Amino acid sequence: MLPIKKSYIDSKHRTPDSKSSSDFKYDLRESFLMIDNCPFYVCDVCVPHSWYTIEPGINNKFYLHVSNDNADPTLRPNANYIMTLESKIYTGAELAIELSYRMTAV
């Protein structure tokens, strides 16, 4: 009996002529020599999924209210701003930079 062999394939190592990360070609590192009529089959599939930190229509609006606590209202009036953030996966630091950039812009 032949030993059980598994080949772990990651789509990030797909060939350059692949269509996408879900429709890809992969070159095996080694050949598998099997006896006649011996089947190959996929026994496990792992499909990782990451959700966007910011998604359009769900949480891409950032609302900012600037209030004036000074006695002189002419220094800076109360103001409300709505900023639309780009839809993508942010790290905490990237989101902080994006929010800082948007607040500075308004």
PDB file of N, CA and C in Angstrom:
ATOM      1  N   MET A   1       0.840  -1.183   0.000  1.00  0.00           N
ATOM      2  CA  MET A   1       0.000   0.000   0.000  1.00  0.00           C
ATOM      3  C   MET A   1       0.886   1.247   0.000  1.00  0.00           C
ATOM      4  N   LEU A   2       0.490   2.230  -0.766  1.00  0.00           N
ATOM      5  CA  LEU A   2       1.252   3.472  -0.855  1.00  0.00           C
ATOM      6  C   LEU A   2       0.961   4.351   0.356  1.00  0.00           C
ATOM      7  N   PRO A   3       1.948   5.146   0.787  1.00  0.00           N
ATOM      8  CA  PRO A   3       1.695   6.044   1.913  1.00  0.00           C
ATOM      9  C   PRO A   3       0.718   7.144   1.511  1.00  0.00           C
ATOM     10  N   ILE A   4      -0.006   7.651   2.489  1.00  0.00           N
ATOM     11  CA  ILE A   4      -0.929   8.762   2.225  1.00  0.00           C
ATOM     12  C   ILE A   4      -0.096  10.015   1.999  1.00  0.00           C
ATOM     13  N   LYS A   5      -0.393  10.709   0.956  1.00  0.00           N
ATOM     14  CA  LYS A   5       0.336  11.937   0.642  1.00  0.00           C
ATOM     15  C   LYS A   5      -0.650  13.081   0.556  1.00  0.00           C
ATOM     16  N   LYS A   6      -0.270  14.165   1.173  1.00  0.00           N
ATOM     17  CA  LYS A   6      -1.080  15.380   1.077  1.00  0.00           C
ATOM     18  C   LYS A   6      -0.217  16.490   0.519  1.00  0.00           C
ATOM     19  N   SER A   7      -0.820  17.305  -0.273  1.00  0.00           N
ATOM     20  CA  SER A   7      -0.150  18.474  -0.810  1.00  0.00           C
ATOM     21  C   SER A   7      -0.951  19.693  -0.367  1.00  0.00           C
ATOM     22  N   TYR A   8      -0.298  20.598   0.342  1.00  0.00           N
ATOM     23  CA  TYR A   8      -0.954  21.812   0.815  1.00  0.00           C
ATOM     24  C   TYR A   8      -0.701  22.917  -0.189  1.00  0.00           C
ATOM     25  N   ILE A   9      -1.786  23.494  -0.679  1.00  0.00           N
ATOM     26  CA  ILE A   9      -1.698  24.491  -1.735  1.00  0.00           C
ATOM     27  C   ILE A   9      -2.302  25.796  -1.243  1.00  0.00           C
ATOM     28  N   ASP A  10      -1.579  26.886  -1.454  1.00  0.00           N
ATOM     29  CA  ASP A  10      -2.042  28.221  -1.074  1.00  0.00           C
ATOM     30  C   ASP A  10      -2.148  29.048  -2.353  1.00  0.00           C
ATOM     31  N   SER A  11      -3.270  29.712  -2.553  1.00  0.00           N
ATOM     32  CA  SER A  11      -3.488  30.462  -3.789  1.00  0.00           C
ATOM     33  C   SER A  11      -2.528  31.644  -3.938  1.00  0.00           C
ATOM     34  N   LYS A  12      -1.881  32.059  -2.857  1.00  0.00           N
ATOM     35  CA  LYS A  12      -0.921  33.159  -3.011  1.00  0.00           C
ATOM     36  C   LYS A  12       0.322  32.706  -3.786  1.00  0.00           C
ATOM     37  N   HIS A  13       0.496  31.389  -3.950  1.00  0.00           N
ATOM     38  CA  HIS A  13       1.614  30.856  -4.729  1.00  0.00           C
ATOM     39  C   HIS A  13       1.151  30.382  -6.111  1.00  0.00           C
ATOM     40  N   ARG A  14       0.072  30.931  -6.592  1.00  0.00           N
ATOM     41  CA  ARG A  14      -0.482  30.526  -7.894  1.00  0.00           C
ATOM     42  C   ARG A  14       0.450  30.972  -9.025  1.00  0.00           C
ATOM     43  N   THR A  15       0.254  30.367 -10.179  1.00  0.00           N
ATOM     44  CA  THR A  15       1.074  30.716 -11.340  1.00  0.00           C
ATOM     45  C   THR A  15       0.628  32.072 -11.891  1.00  0.00           C
ATOM     46  N   PRO A  16       1.531  32.775 -12.587  1.00  0.00           N
ATOM     47  CA  PRO A  16       1.182  34.106 -13.111  1.00  0.00           C
ATOM     48  C   PRO A  16       0.013  34.115 -14.093  1.00  0.00           C
ATOM     49  N   ASP A  17      -0.246  32.992 -14.778  1.00  0.00           N
ATOM     50  CA  ASP A  17      -1.350  32.964 -15.745  1.00  0.00           C
ATOM     51  C   ASP A  17      -2.688  32.621 -15.098  1.00  0.00           C
ATOM     52  N   SER A  18      -2.764  32.553 -13.774  1.00  0.00           N
ATOM     53  CA  SER A  18      -4.024  32.286 -13.076  1.00  0.00           C
ATOM     54  C   SER A  18      -4.964  33.476 -13.216  1.00  0.00           C
ATOM     55  N   LYS A  19      -6.265  33.190 -13.214  1.00  0.00           N
ATOM     56  CA  LYS A  19      -7.257  34.240 -13.395  1.00  0.00           C
ATOM     57  C   LYS A  19      -7.471  35.054 -12.116  1.00  0.00           C
ATOM     58  N   SER A  20      -7.511  34.394 -10.964  1.00  0.00           N
ATOM     59  CA  SER A  20      -7.748  35.085  -9.696  1.00  0.00           C
ATOM     60  C   SER A  20      -7.301  34.181  -8.550  1.00  0.00           C
ATOM     61  N   SER A  21      -7.510  34.647  -7.321  1.00  0.00           N
ATOM     62  CA  SER A  21      -7.132  33.827  -6.166  1.00  0.00           C
ATOM     63  C   SER A  21      -8.126  32.697  -5.911  1.00  0.00           C
ATOM     64  N   SER A  22      -9.261  32.720  -6.602  1.00  0.00           N
ATOM     65  CA  SER A  22     -10.219  31.623  -6.461  1.00  0.00           C
ATOM     66  C   SER A  22     -10.295  30.744  -7.716  1.00  0.00           C
ATOM     67  N   ASP A  23      -9.675  31.183  -8.797  1.00  0.00           N
ATOM     68  CA  ASP A  23      -9.610  30.407 -10.037  1.00  0.00           C
ATOM     69  C   ASP A  23      -8.148  30.423 -10.469  1.00  0.00           C
ATOM     70  N   PHE A  24      -7.378  29.468  -9.938  1.00  0.00           N
ATOM     71  CA  PHE A  24      -5.936  29.544 -10.133  1.00  0.00           C
ATOM     72  C   PHE A  24      -5.322  28.210 -10.531  1.00  0.00           C
ATOM     73  N   LYS A  25      -4.094  28.305 -11.020  1.00  0.00           N
ATOM     74  CA  LYS A  25      -3.272  27.138 -11.341  1.00  0.00           C
ATOM     75  C   LYS A  25      -2.106  27.123 -10.362  1.00  0.00           C
ATOM     76  N   TYR A  26      -1.620  25.920 -10.104  1.00  0.00           N
ATOM     77  CA  TYR A  26      -0.546  25.760  -9.131  1.00  0.00           C
ATOM     78  C   TYR A  26       0.400  24.673  -9.628  1.00  0.00           C
ATOM     79  N   ASP A  27       1.694  24.943  -9.616  1.00  0.00           N
ATOM     80  CA  ASP A  27       2.683  23.940 -10.011  1.00  0.00           C
ATOM     81  C   ASP A  27       3.093  23.156  -8.771  1.00  0.00           C
ATOM     82  N   LEU A  28       2.909  21.850  -8.828  1.00  0.00           N
ATOM     83  CA  LEU A  28       3.314  20.999  -7.706  1.00  0.00           C
ATOM     84  C   LEU A  28       4.833  20.950  -7.607  1.00  0.00           C
ATOM     85  N   ARG A  29       5.352  20.901  -6.391  1.00  0.00           N
ATOM     86  CA  ARG A  29       6.798  20.838  -6.177  1.00  0.00           C
ATOM     87  C   ARG A  29       7.372  19.488  -6.575  1.00  0.00           C
ATOM     88  N   GLU A  30       6.566  18.471  -6.442  1.00  0.00           N
ATOM     89  CA  GLU A  30       7.024  17.125  -6.774  1.00  0.00           C
ATOM     90  C   GLU A  30       5.930  16.391  -7.537  1.00  0.00           C
ATOM     91  N   SER A  31       6.333  15.393  -8.275  1.00  0.00           N
ATOM     92  CA  SER A  31       5.361  14.573  -9.003  1.00  0.00           C
ATOM     93  C   SER A  31       4.878  13.457  -8.095  1.00  0.00           C
ATOM     94  N   PHE A  32       3.639  13.084  -8.260  1.00  0.00           N
ATOM     95  CA  PHE A  32       3.071  11.974  -7.514  1.00  0.00           C
ATOM     96  C   PHE A  32       2.875  10.812  -8.481  1.00  0.00           C
ATOM     97  N   LEU A  33       3.646   9.775  -8.302  1.00  0.00           N
ATOM     98  CA  LEU A  33       3.547   8.601  -9.147  1.00  0.00           C
ATOM     99  C   LEU A  33       2.568   7.635  -8.498  1.00  0.00           C
ATOM    100  N   MET A  34       1.475   7.385  -9.177  1.00  0.00           N
ATOM    101  CA  MET A  34       0.439   6.522  -8.629  1.00  0.00           C
ATOM    102  C   MET A  34       0.221   5.340  -9.568  1.00  0.00           C
ATOM    103  N   ILE A  35      -0.194   4.244  -8.995  1.00  0.00           N
ATOM    104  CA  ILE A  35      -0.484   3.066  -9.810  1.00  0.00           C
ATOM    105  C   ILE A  35      -1.709   3.333 -10.671  1.00  0.00           C
ATOM    106  N   ASP A  36      -1.899   2.512 -11.689  1.00  0.00           N
ATOM    107  CA  ASP A  36      -3.035   2.685 -12.596  1.00  0.00           C
ATOM    108  C   ASP A  36      -4.357   2.652 -11.826  1.00  0.00           C
ATOM    109  N   ASN A  37      -5.270   3.475 -12.252  1.00  0.00           N
ATOM    110  CA  ASN A  37      -6.619   3.571 -11.694  1.00  0.00           C
ATOM    111  C   ASN A  37      -6.649   3.993 -10.220  1.00  0.00           C
ATOM    112  N   CYS A  38      -5.604   4.639  -9.779  1.00  0.00           N
ATOM    113  CA  CYS A  38      -5.575   5.138  -8.404  1.00  0.00           C
ATOM    114  C   CYS A  38      -6.136   6.566  -8.416  1.00  0.00           C
ATOM    115  N   PRO A  39      -7.160   6.840  -7.625  1.00  0.00           N
ATOM    116  CA  PRO A  39      -7.780   8.164  -7.694  1.00  0.00           C
ATOM    117  C   PRO A  39      -7.039   9.213  -6.869  1.00  0.00           C
ATOM    118  N   PHE A  40      -7.164  10.446  -7.310  1.00  0.00           N
ATOM    119  CA  PHE A  40      -6.752  11.624  -6.545  1.00  0.00           C
ATOM    120  C   PHE A  40      -8.038  12.327  -6.140  1.00  0.00           C
ATOM    121  N   TYR A  41      -8.071  12.892  -4.991  1.00  0.00           N
ATOM    122  CA  TYR A  41      -9.245  13.672  -4.613  1.00  0.00           C
ATOM    123  C   TYR A  41      -8.868  14.742  -3.603  1.00  0.00           C
ATOM    124  N   VAL A  42      -9.709  15.747  -3.510  1.00  0.00           N
ATOM    125  CA  VAL A  42      -9.536  16.821  -2.543  1.00  0.00           C
ATOM    126  C   VAL A  42     -10.205  16.369  -1.258  1.00  0.00           C
ATOM    127  N   CYS A  43      -9.423  16.317  -0.177  1.00  0.00           N
ATOM    128  CA  CYS A  43     -10.001  15.823   1.084  1.00  0.00           C
ATOM    129  C   CYS A  43     -10.327  16.956   2.047  1.00  0.00           C
ATOM    130  N   ASP A  44      -9.661  18.097   1.933  1.00  0.00           N
ATOM    131  CA  ASP A  44      -9.922  19.237   2.812  1.00  0.00           C
ATOM    132  C   ASP A  44      -9.778  20.522   2.016  1.00  0.00           C
ATOM    133  N   VAL A  45     -10.589  21.491   2.370  1.00  0.00           N
ATOM    134  CA  VAL A  45     -10.469  22.817   1.788  1.00  0.00           C
ATOM    135  C   VAL A  45     -10.630  23.823   2.916  1.00  0.00           C
ATOM    136  N   CYS A  46      -9.747  24.783   2.959  1.00  0.00           N
ATOM    137  CA  CYS A  46      -9.837  25.849   3.955  1.00  0.00           C
ATOM    138  C   CYS A  46     -10.006  27.155   3.194  1.00  0.00           C
ATOM    139  N   VAL A  47     -11.104  27.840   3.412  1.00  0.00           N
ATOM    140  CA  VAL A  47     -11.377  29.079   2.712  1.00  0.00           C
ATOM    141  C   VAL A  47     -11.394  30.208   3.743  1.00  0.00           C
ATOM    142  N   PRO A  48     -10.276  30.915   3.886  1.00  0.00           N
ATOM    143  CA  PRO A  48     -10.259  32.022   4.846  1.00  0.00           C
ATOM    144  C   PRO A  48     -11.057  33.202   4.300  1.00  0.00           C
ATOM    145  N   HIS A  49     -11.612  33.955   5.197  1.00  0.00           N
ATOM    146  CA  HIS A  49     -12.381  35.127   4.787  1.00  0.00           C
ATOM    147  C   HIS A  49     -12.113  36.256   5.761  1.00  0.00           C
ATOM    148  N   SER A  50     -11.871  37.408   5.238  1.00  0.00           N
ATOM    149  CA  SER A  50     -11.687  38.593   6.060  1.00  0.00           C
ATOM    150  C   SER A  50     -12.772  39.587   5.695  1.00  0.00           C
ATOM    151  N   TRP A  51     -13.397  40.143   6.678  1.00  0.00           N
ATOM    152  CA  TRP A  51     -14.397  41.161   6.428  1.00  0.00           C
ATOM    153  C   TRP A  51     -13.714  42.507   6.399  1.00  0.00           C
ATOM    154  N   TYR A  52     -14.256  43.379   5.563  1.00  0.00           N
ATOM    155  CA  TYR A  52     -13.738  44.735   5.519  1.00  0.00           C
ATOM    156  C   TYR A  52     -14.019  45.417   6.849  1.00  0.00           C
ATOM    157  N   THR A  53     -13.057  46.201   7.320  1.00  0.00           N
ATOM    158  CA  THR A  53     -13.257  46.990   8.525  1.00  0.00           C
ATOM    159  C   THR A  53     -14.320  48.052   8.256  1.00  0.00           C
ATOM    160  N   ILE A  54     -14.235  48.651   7.091  1.00  0.00           N
ATOM    161  CA  ILE A  54     -15.189  49.680   6.663  1.00  0.00           C
ATOM    162  C   ILE A  54     -15.888  49.166   5.412  1.00  0.00           C
ATOM    163  N   GLU A  55     -17.232  49.116   5.446  1.00  0.00           N
ATOM    164  CA  GLU A  55     -18.007  48.647   4.301  1.00  0.00           C
ATOM    165  C   GLU A  55     -18.993  49.726   3.864  1.00  0.00           C
ATOM    166  N   PRO A  56     -19.125  49.925   2.546  1.00  0.00           N
ATOM    167  CA  PRO A  56     -20.036  50.957   2.056  1.00  0.00           C
ATOM    168  C   PRO A  56     -21.480  50.665   2.451  1.00  0.00           C
ATOM    169  N   GLY A  57     -22.170  51.707   2.895  1.00  0.00           N
ATOM    170  CA  GLY A  57     -23.569  51.578   3.267  1.00  0.00           C
ATOM    171  C   GLY A  57     -23.792  50.963   4.638  1.00  0.00           C
ATOM    172  N   ILE A  58     -22.729  50.512   5.298  1.00  0.00           N
ATOM    173  CA  ILE A  58     -22.879  49.895   6.619  1.00  0.00           C
ATOM    174  C   ILE A  58     -22.204  50.752   7.684  1.00  0.00           C
ATOM    175  N   ASN A  59     -20.910  51.021   7.507  1.00  0.00           N
ATOM    176  CA  ASN A  59     -20.191  51.789   8.521  1.00  0.00           C
ATOM    177  C   ASN A  59     -19.130  52.702   7.916  1.00  0.00           C
ATOM    178  N   ASN A  60     -19.384  53.209   6.727  1.00  0.00           N
ATOM    179  CA  ASN A  60     -18.389  54.045   6.065  1.00  0.00           C
ATOM    180  C   ASN A  60     -18.560  55.537   6.322  1.00  0.00           C
ATOM    181  N   LYS A  61     -19.541  55.916   7.126  1.00  0.00           N
ATOM    182  CA  LYS A  61     -19.741  57.325   7.451  1.00  0.00           C
ATOM    183  C   LYS A  61     -19.179  57.622   8.833  1.00  0.00           C
ATOM    184  N   PHE A  62     -18.400  58.681   8.923  1.00  0.00           N
ATOM    185  CA  PHE A  62     -17.845  59.123  10.201  1.00  0.00           C
ATOM    186  C   PHE A  62     -18.437  60.486  10.489  1.00  0.00           C
ATOM    187  N   TYR A  63     -19.134  60.601  11.604  1.00  0.00           N
ATOM    188  CA  TYR A  63     -19.817  61.832  11.977  1.00  0.00           C
ATOM    189  C   TYR A  63     -18.996  62.555  13.028  1.00  0.00           C
ATOM    190  N   LEU A  64     -18.730  63.819  12.778  1.00  0.00           N
ATOM    191  CA  LEU A  64     -17.910  64.621  13.682  1.00  0.00           C
ATOM    192  C   LEU A  64     -18.672  65.879  14.059  1.00  0.00           C
ATOM    193  N   HIS A  65     -18.778  66.124  15.357  1.00  0.00           N
ATOM    194  CA  HIS A  65     -19.405  67.348  15.855  1.00  0.00           C
ATOM    195  C   HIS A  65     -18.340  68.142  16.592  1.00  0.00           C
ATOM    196  N   VAL A  66     -18.111  69.353  16.140  1.00  0.00           N
ATOM    197  CA  VAL A  66     -17.152  70.242  16.786  1.00  0.00           C
ATOM    198  C   VAL A  66     -17.952  71.296  17.526  1.00  0.00           C
ATOM    199  N   SER A  67     -17.756  71.347  18.841  1.00  0.00           N
ATOM    200  CA  SER A  67     -18.504  72.329  19.626  1.00  0.00           C
ATOM    201  C   SER A  67     -17.564  73.388  20.175  1.00  0.00           C
ATOM    202  N   ASN A  68     -18.137  74.537  20.441  1.00  0.00           N
ATOM    203  CA  ASN A  68     -17.377  75.664  20.957  1.00  0.00           C
ATOM    204  C   ASN A  68     -17.761  75.868  22.409  1.00  0.00           C
ATOM    205  N   ASP A  69     -16.819  75.574  23.297  1.00  0.00           N
ATOM    206  CA  ASP A  69     -17.069  75.779  24.722  1.00  0.00           C
ATOM    207  C   ASP A  69     -16.542  77.120  25.210  1.00  0.00           C
ATOM    208  N   ASN A  70     -15.996  77.927  24.293  1.00  0.00           N
ATOM    209  CA  ASN A  70     -15.473  79.245  24.666  1.00  0.00           C
ATOM    210  C   ASN A  70     -16.615  80.229  24.851  1.00  0.00           C
ATOM    211  N   ALA A  71     -16.359  81.258  25.591  1.00  0.00           N
ATOM    212  CA  ALA A  71     -17.367  82.305  25.803  1.00  0.00           C
ATOM    213  C   ALA A  71     -17.600  83.098  24.522  1.00  0.00           C
ATOM    214  N   ASP A  72     -16.603  83.173  23.679  1.00  0.00           N
ATOM    215  CA  ASP A  72     -16.719  83.941  22.440  1.00  0.00           C
ATOM    216  C   ASP A  72     -17.091  83.001  21.290  1.00  0.00           C
ATOM    217  N   PRO A  73     -18.354  83.007  20.830  1.00  0.00           N
ATOM    218  CA  PRO A  73     -18.790  82.090  19.764  1.00  0.00           C
ATOM    219  C   PRO A  73     -18.190  82.402  18.390  1.00  0.00           C
ATOM    220  N   THR A  74     -17.542  83.561  18.226  1.00  0.00           N
ATOM    221  CA  THR A  74     -16.960  83.896  16.923  1.00  0.00           C
ATOM    222  C   THR A  74     -15.630  83.185  16.691  1.00  0.00           C
ATOM    223  N   LEU A  75     -15.049  82.624  17.757  1.00  0.00           N
ATOM    224  CA  LEU A  75     -13.765  81.941  17.586  1.00  0.00           C
ATOM    225  C   LEU A  75     -13.913  80.697  16.717  1.00  0.00           C
ATOM    226  N   ARG A  76     -14.899  79.910  17.015  1.00  0.00           N
ATOM    227  CA  ARG A  76     -15.181  78.723  16.193  1.00  0.00           C
ATOM    228  C   ARG A  76     -16.618  78.318  16.453  1.00  0.00           C
ATOM    229  N   PRO A  77     -17.459  78.438  15.479  1.00  0.00           N
ATOM    230  CA  PRO A  77     -18.859  78.064  15.691  1.00  0.00           C
ATOM    231  C   PRO A  77     -19.028  76.547  15.775  1.00  0.00           C
ATOM    232  N   ASN A  78     -20.155  76.131  16.325  1.00  0.00           N
ATOM    233  CA  ASN A  78     -20.478  74.704  16.338  1.00  0.00           C
ATOM    234  C   ASN A  78     -20.611  74.231  14.887  1.00  0.00           C
ATOM    235  N   ALA A  79     -20.116  73.047  14.615  1.00  0.00           N
ATOM    236  CA  ALA A  79     -20.179  72.537  13.244  1.00  0.00           C
ATOM    237  C   ALA A  79     -20.331  71.021  13.267  1.00  0.00           C
ATOM    238  N   ASN A  80     -21.032  70.504  12.261  1.00  0.00           N
ATOM    239  CA  ASN A  80     -21.204  69.068  12.077  1.00  0.00           C
ATOM    240  C   ASN A  80     -20.611  68.678  10.729  1.00  0.00           C
ATOM    241  N   TYR A  81     -19.913  67.567  10.705  1.00  0.00           N
ATOM    242  CA  TYR A  81     -19.295  67.083   9.475  1.00  0.00           C
ATOM    243  C   TYR A  81     -19.630  65.606   9.296  1.00  0.00           C
ATOM    244  N   ILE A  82     -19.799  65.210   8.038  1.00  0.00           N
ATOM    245  CA  ILE A  82     -19.966  63.795   7.690  1.00  0.00           C
ATOM    246  C   ILE A  82     -18.874  63.458   6.696  1.00  0.00           C
ATOM    247  N   MET A  83     -18.054  62.489   7.068  1.00  0.00           N
ATOM    248  CA  MET A  83     -16.952  62.073   6.206  1.00  0.00           C
ATOM    249  C   MET A  83     -17.191  60.640   5.750  1.00  0.00           C
ATOM    250  N   THR A  84     -16.948  60.373   4.480  1.00  0.00           N
ATOM    251  CA  THR A  84     -17.095  59.026   3.940  1.00  0.00           C
ATOM    252  C   THR A  84     -15.722  58.390   3.849  1.00  0.00           C
ATOM    253  N   LEU A  85     -15.580  57.238   4.513  1.00  0.00           N
ATOM    254  CA  LEU A  85     -14.299  56.536   4.522  1.00  0.00           C
ATOM    255  C   LEU A  85     -14.253  55.519   3.391  1.00  0.00           C
ATOM    256  N   GLU A  86     -13.059  55.280   2.884  1.00  0.00           N
ATOM    257  CA  GLU A  86     -12.857  54.296   1.818  1.00  0.00           C
ATOM    258  C   GLU A  86     -13.081  52.892   2.374  1.00  0.00           C
ATOM    259  N   SER A  87     -13.739  52.048   1.579  1.00  0.00           N
ATOM    260  CA  SER A  87     -14.021  50.675   1.987  1.00  0.00           C
ATOM    261  C   SER A  87     -12.776  49.816   1.809  1.00  0.00           C
ATOM    262  N   LYS A  88     -12.261  49.281   2.926  1.00  0.00           N
ATOM    263  CA  LYS A  88     -11.100  48.397   2.877  1.00  0.00           C
ATOM    264  C   LYS A  88     -10.861  47.789   4.243  1.00  0.00           C
ATOM    265  N   ILE A  89      -9.844  46.967   4.335  1.00  0.00           N
ATOM    266  CA  ILE A  89      -9.460  46.370   5.608  1.00  0.00           C
ATOM    267  C   ILE A  89      -8.377  47.251   6.218  1.00  0.00           C
ATOM    268  N   TYR A  90      -8.691  47.877   7.348  1.00  0.00           N
ATOM    269  CA  TYR A  90      -7.754  48.746   8.041  1.00  0.00           C
ATOM    270  C   TYR A  90      -7.183  48.043   9.265  1.00  0.00           C
ATOM    271  N   THR A  91      -5.925  48.316   9.560  1.00  0.00           N
ATOM    272  CA  THR A  91      -5.411  47.971  10.881  1.00  0.00           C
ATOM    273  C   THR A  91      -5.814  49.131  11.795  1.00  0.00           C
ATOM    274  N   GLY A  92      -5.632  48.982  13.086  1.00  0.00           N
ATOM    275  CA  GLY A  92      -5.968  50.069  14.009  1.00  0.00           C
ATOM    276  C   GLY A  92      -5.206  51.342  13.686  1.00  0.00           C
ATOM    277  N   ALA A  93      -3.906  51.201  13.412  1.00  0.00           N
ATOM    278  CA  ALA A  93      -3.074  52.369  13.108  1.00  0.00           C
ATOM    279  C   ALA A  93      -3.502  53.016  11.797  1.00  0.00           C
ATOM    280  N   GLU A  94      -3.812  52.206  10.784  1.00  0.00           N
ATOM    281  CA  GLU A  94      -4.252  52.761   9.491  1.00  0.00           C
ATOM    282  C   GLU A  94      -5.567  53.508   9.626  1.00  0.00           C
ATOM    283  N   LEU A  95      -6.497  52.974  10.426  1.00  0.00           N
ATOM    284  CA  LEU A  95      -7.778  53.651  10.625  1.00  0.00           C
ATOM    285  C   LEU A  95      -7.570  54.972  11.355  1.00  0.00           C
ATOM    286  N   ALA A  96      -6.688  54.998  12.346  1.00  0.00           N
ATOM    287  CA  ALA A  96      -6.392  56.239  13.064  1.00  0.00           C
ATOM    288  C   ALA A  96      -5.814  57.288  12.114  1.00  0.00           C
ATOM    289  N   ILE A  97      -4.912  56.874  11.230  1.00  0.00           N
ATOM    290  CA  ILE A  97      -4.315  57.804  10.261  1.00  0.00           C
ATOM    291  C   ILE A  97      -5.371  58.313   9.294  1.00  0.00           C
ATOM    292  N   GLU A  98      -6.231  57.429   8.810  1.00  0.00           N
ATOM    293  CA  GLU A  98      -7.294  57.818   7.870  1.00  0.00           C
ATOM    294  C   GLU A  98      -8.253  58.813   8.520  1.00  0.00           C
ATOM    295  N   LEU A  99      -8.660  58.547   9.761  1.00  0.00           N
ATOM    296  CA  LEU A  99      -9.566  59.463  10.457  1.00  0.00           C
ATOM    297  C   LEU A  99      -8.890  60.808  10.710  1.00  0.00           C
ATOM    298  N   SER A 100      -7.627  60.792  11.096  1.00  0.00           N
ATOM    299  CA  SER A 100      -6.883  62.032  11.315  1.00  0.00           C
ATOM    300  C   SER A 100      -6.795  62.845  10.019  1.00  0.00           C
ATOM    301  N   TYR A 101      -6.526  62.163   8.915  1.00  0.00           N
ATOM    302  CA  TYR A 101      -6.458  62.833   7.616  1.00  0.00           C
ATOM    303  C   TYR A 101      -7.798  63.461   7.252  1.00  0.00           C
ATOM    304  N   ARG A 102      -8.880  62.709   7.429  1.00  0.00           N
ATOM    305  CA  ARG A 102     -10.225  63.222   7.084  1.00  0.00           C
ATOM    306  C   ARG A 102     -10.609  64.414   7.969  1.00  0.00           C
ATOM    307  N   MET A 103     -10.307  64.316   9.273  1.00  0.00           N
ATOM    308  CA  MET A 103     -10.660  65.431  10.171  1.00  0.00           C
ATOM    309  C   MET A 103      -9.850  66.678   9.851  1.00  0.00           C
ATOM    310  N   THR A 104      -8.594  66.498   9.477  1.00  0.00           N
ATOM    311  CA  THR A 104      -7.755  67.643   9.114  1.00  0.00           C
ATOM    312  C   THR A 104      -8.270  68.285   7.826  1.00  0.00           C
ATOM    313  N   ALA A 105      -8.755  67.474   6.915  1.00  0.00           N
ATOM    314  CA  ALA A 105      -9.253  67.975   5.625  1.00  0.00           C
ATOM    315  C   ALA A 105     -10.489  68.854   5.790  1.00  0.00           C
ATOM    316  N   VAL A 106     -11.332  68.527   6.769  1.00  0.00           N
ATOM    317  CA  VAL A 106     -12.553  69.344   6.967  1.00  0.00           C
ATOM    318  C   VAL A 106     -12.256  70.486   7.917  1.00  0.00           C
TER     319      VAL A 106
END
